């Protein structure tokens, strides 16, 4: 399933389904999808790159076991979306549920949004943020928060 509203560039017109296999389609298409357990090594690599980019590599303690438990366990604590372009992982976004006592409704907070340098300035970050908003709305969230 591709969450890119503009299509990853490889759609079966008869079914409306993505046919790029989850890796970005043709002509630089961006494929966005929820992460699955098999993506944990890729997600760990991307988070490690983000930590290094922010000069916080010394704080990077995440493990495959922690990601398995917290993203894909019986009570997931967070959600991850992966972006692929031209067959390779290009970025990710992680968000988790929050709650507003004022509105009495759930919300969502974007913890991380990272795009690899080679793929920046091509709309991928905007596409990831839009996909998170769509996922949060579908989960009944009344608002989306993000701090840069």
Protein backbone atom coordinates (compact mmCIF):
# COMPACT_ATOMS: atom_id res chain seq x y z
CA UNK A 1 0.00 0.00 0.00
CA UNK A 2 1.44 3.35 -1.01
CA UNK A 3 0.44 6.30 1.17
CA UNK A 4 1.78 8.88 -1.27
CA UNK A 5 -1.26 10.87 -2.39
CA UNK A 6 0.54 11.78 -5.62
CA UNK A 7 1.34 8.13 -6.37
CA UNK A 8 4.70 6.46 -6.37
CA UNK A 9 4.57 6.36 -10.16
CA UNK A 10 3.60 2.70 -10.49
CA UNK A 11 -0.14 2.26 -10.19
CA UNK A 12 -2.26 -0.46 -11.70
CA UNK A 13 -4.94 1.75 -13.25
CA UNK A 14 -7.55 -1.01 -13.18
CA UNK A 15 -7.15 -1.72 -9.46
CA UNK A 16 -5.70 1.60 -8.27
CA UNK A 17 -3.08 -0.36 -6.38
CA UNK A 18 0.63 0.29 -6.15
CA UNK A 19 2.74 -2.09 -8.22
CA UNK A 20 6.25 -0.82 -7.45
CA UNK A 21 6.80 -3.49 -4.80
CA UNK A 22 7.36 -0.87 -2.14
CA UNK A 23 10.57 0.57 -3.49
CA UNK A 24 9.72 3.76 -5.30
CA UNK A 25 8.41 2.98 -8.73
CA UNK A 26 9.60 4.59 -11.90
CA UNK A 27 11.04 8.00 -12.72
CA UNK A 28 12.00 8.82 -9.14
CA UNK A 29 8.60 8.02 -7.65
CA UNK A 30 8.30 8.14 -3.88
CA UNK A 31 6.73 5.12 -2.19
CA UNK A 32 5.48 5.68 1.38
CA UNK A 33 4.29 2.84 3.57
CA UNK A 34 4.00 1.79 7.20
CA UNK A 35 7.07 -0.02 8.45
CA UNK A 36 6.79 -3.77 9.07
CA UNK A 37 8.96 -5.97 11.33
CA UNK A 38 11.26 -6.84 8.42
CA UNK A 39 12.13 -3.13 8.16
CA UNK A 40 13.73 -2.95 11.60
CA UNK A 41 17.35 -3.06 10.30
CA UNK A 42 16.58 -0.28 7.82
CA UNK A 43 14.79 1.78 10.44
CA UNK A 44 17.70 1.35 12.88
CA UNK A 45 20.14 2.49 10.19
CA UNK A 46 18.06 5.56 9.39
CA UNK A 47 17.66 6.50 13.05
CA UNK A 48 21.41 6.05 13.49
CA UNK A 49 22.00 8.44 10.59
CA UNK A 50 19.64 10.96 12.17
CA UNK A 51 21.45 10.70 15.50
CA UNK A 52 24.81 11.30 13.76
CA UNK A 53 23.36 14.21 11.76
CA UNK A 54 22.17 15.84 14.99
CA UNK A 55 25.55 15.12 16.69
CA UNK A 56 23.71 12.83 19.12
CA UNK A 57 25.27 9.51 18.15
CA UNK A 58 26.41 9.04 21.75
CA UNK A 59 22.72 8.94 22.79
CA UNK A 60 21.69 6.33 20.21
CA UNK A 61 20.77 3.23 22.23
CA UNK A 62 17.91 1.73 20.21
CA UNK A 63 18.07 -1.97 19.43
CA UNK A 64 16.17 -4.32 17.15
CA UNK A 65 14.52 -5.83 20.23
CA UNK A 66 13.28 -2.44 21.47
CA UNK A 67 11.94 -1.53 18.03
CA UNK A 68 10.21 -4.91 17.74
CA UNK A 69 8.52 -4.42 21.10
CA UNK A 70 7.61 -0.75 20.74
CA UNK A 71 6.60 -0.60 17.06
CA UNK A 72 5.23 -4.10 16.45
CA UNK A 73 4.52 -5.70 19.84
CA UNK A 74 1.10 -6.39 21.36
CA UNK A 75 0.81 -2.77 22.58
CA UNK A 76 2.70 -0.62 20.06
CA UNK A 77 3.94 2.67 21.51
CA UNK A 78 4.81 4.36 18.21
CA UNK A 79 4.30 4.10 14.44
CA UNK A 80 6.84 4.41 11.65
CA UNK A 81 6.49 5.25 7.98
CA UNK A 82 9.24 4.51 5.48
CA UNK A 83 9.90 6.34 2.24
CA UNK A 84 11.60 4.63 -0.70
CA UNK A 85 12.83 6.20 -3.90
CA UNK A 86 14.45 4.42 -6.83
CA UNK A 87 14.68 1.15 -4.93
CA UNK A 88 16.31 2.36 -1.73
CA UNK A 89 15.22 3.65 1.65
CA UNK A 90 15.21 7.44 1.49
CA UNK A 91 13.69 8.51 4.81
CA UNK A 92 11.30 7.85 7.66
CA UNK A 93 8.86 9.43 10.07
CA UNK A 94 7.96 8.23 13.56
CA UNK A 95 4.85 9.36 15.40
CA UNK A 96 3.02 8.34 18.53
CA UNK A 97 -0.40 8.97 20.08
CA UNK A 98 -1.01 11.76 22.58
CA UNK A 99 -4.12 13.00 24.34
CA UNK A 100 -5.59 16.46 24.81
CA UNK A 101 -7.52 16.97 28.02
CA UNK A 102 -8.82 20.28 26.67
CA UNK A 103 -10.42 18.78 23.57
CA UNK A 104 -11.04 15.38 25.13
CA UNK A 105 -9.66 13.76 21.98
CA UNK A 106 -6.52 11.91 20.94
CA UNK A 107 -3.73 13.58 19.03
CA UNK A 108 -0.40 12.60 17.51
CA UNK A 109 3.15 13.82 17.95
CA UNK A 110 5.81 13.50 15.24
CA UNK A 111 8.96 12.40 17.06
CA UNK A 112 11.30 12.19 14.08
CA UNK A 113 11.23 12.99 10.40
CA UNK A 114 14.45 12.29 8.48
CA UNK A 115 15.35 12.29 4.81
CA UNK A 116 18.74 11.07 3.61
CA UNK A 117 20.85 13.92 2.14
CA UNK A 118 20.74 12.52 -1.41
CA UNK A 119 16.93 12.71 -1.38
CA UNK A 120 16.42 16.12 0.20
CA UNK A 121 14.76 19.13 -1.45
CA UNK A 122 12.57 16.89 -3.60
CA UNK A 123 9.36 16.94 -1.57
CA UNK A 124 9.97 13.73 0.33
CA UNK A 125 9.82 15.32 3.81
CA UNK A 126 6.57 17.05 2.94
CA UNK A 127 5.17 13.76 1.59
CA UNK A 128 6.15 11.95 4.81
CA UNK A 129 4.55 14.62 7.00
CA UNK A 130 1.39 14.54 4.89
CA UNK A 131 1.25 10.73 5.18
CA UNK A 132 1.65 10.93 8.96
CA UNK A 133 -1.22 13.45 9.08
CA UNK A 134 -3.37 11.10 7.01
CA UNK A 135 -2.56 8.13 9.25
CA UNK A 136 -3.21 10.18 12.41
CA UNK A 137 -6.53 11.43 11.05
CA UNK A 138 -7.54 7.85 10.21
CA UNK A 139 -6.69 6.90 13.82
CA UNK A 140 -9.11 9.55 15.07
CA UNK A 141 -6.52 12.13 16.09
CA UNK A 142 -7.81 15.70 16.38
CA UNK A 143 -4.40 17.33 15.98
CA UNK A 144 -0.86 16.68 14.89
CA UNK A 145 2.11 18.23 16.70
CA UNK A 146 5.70 18.56 15.53
CA UNK A 147 8.60 20.60 16.84
CA UNK A 148 11.69 21.31 14.81
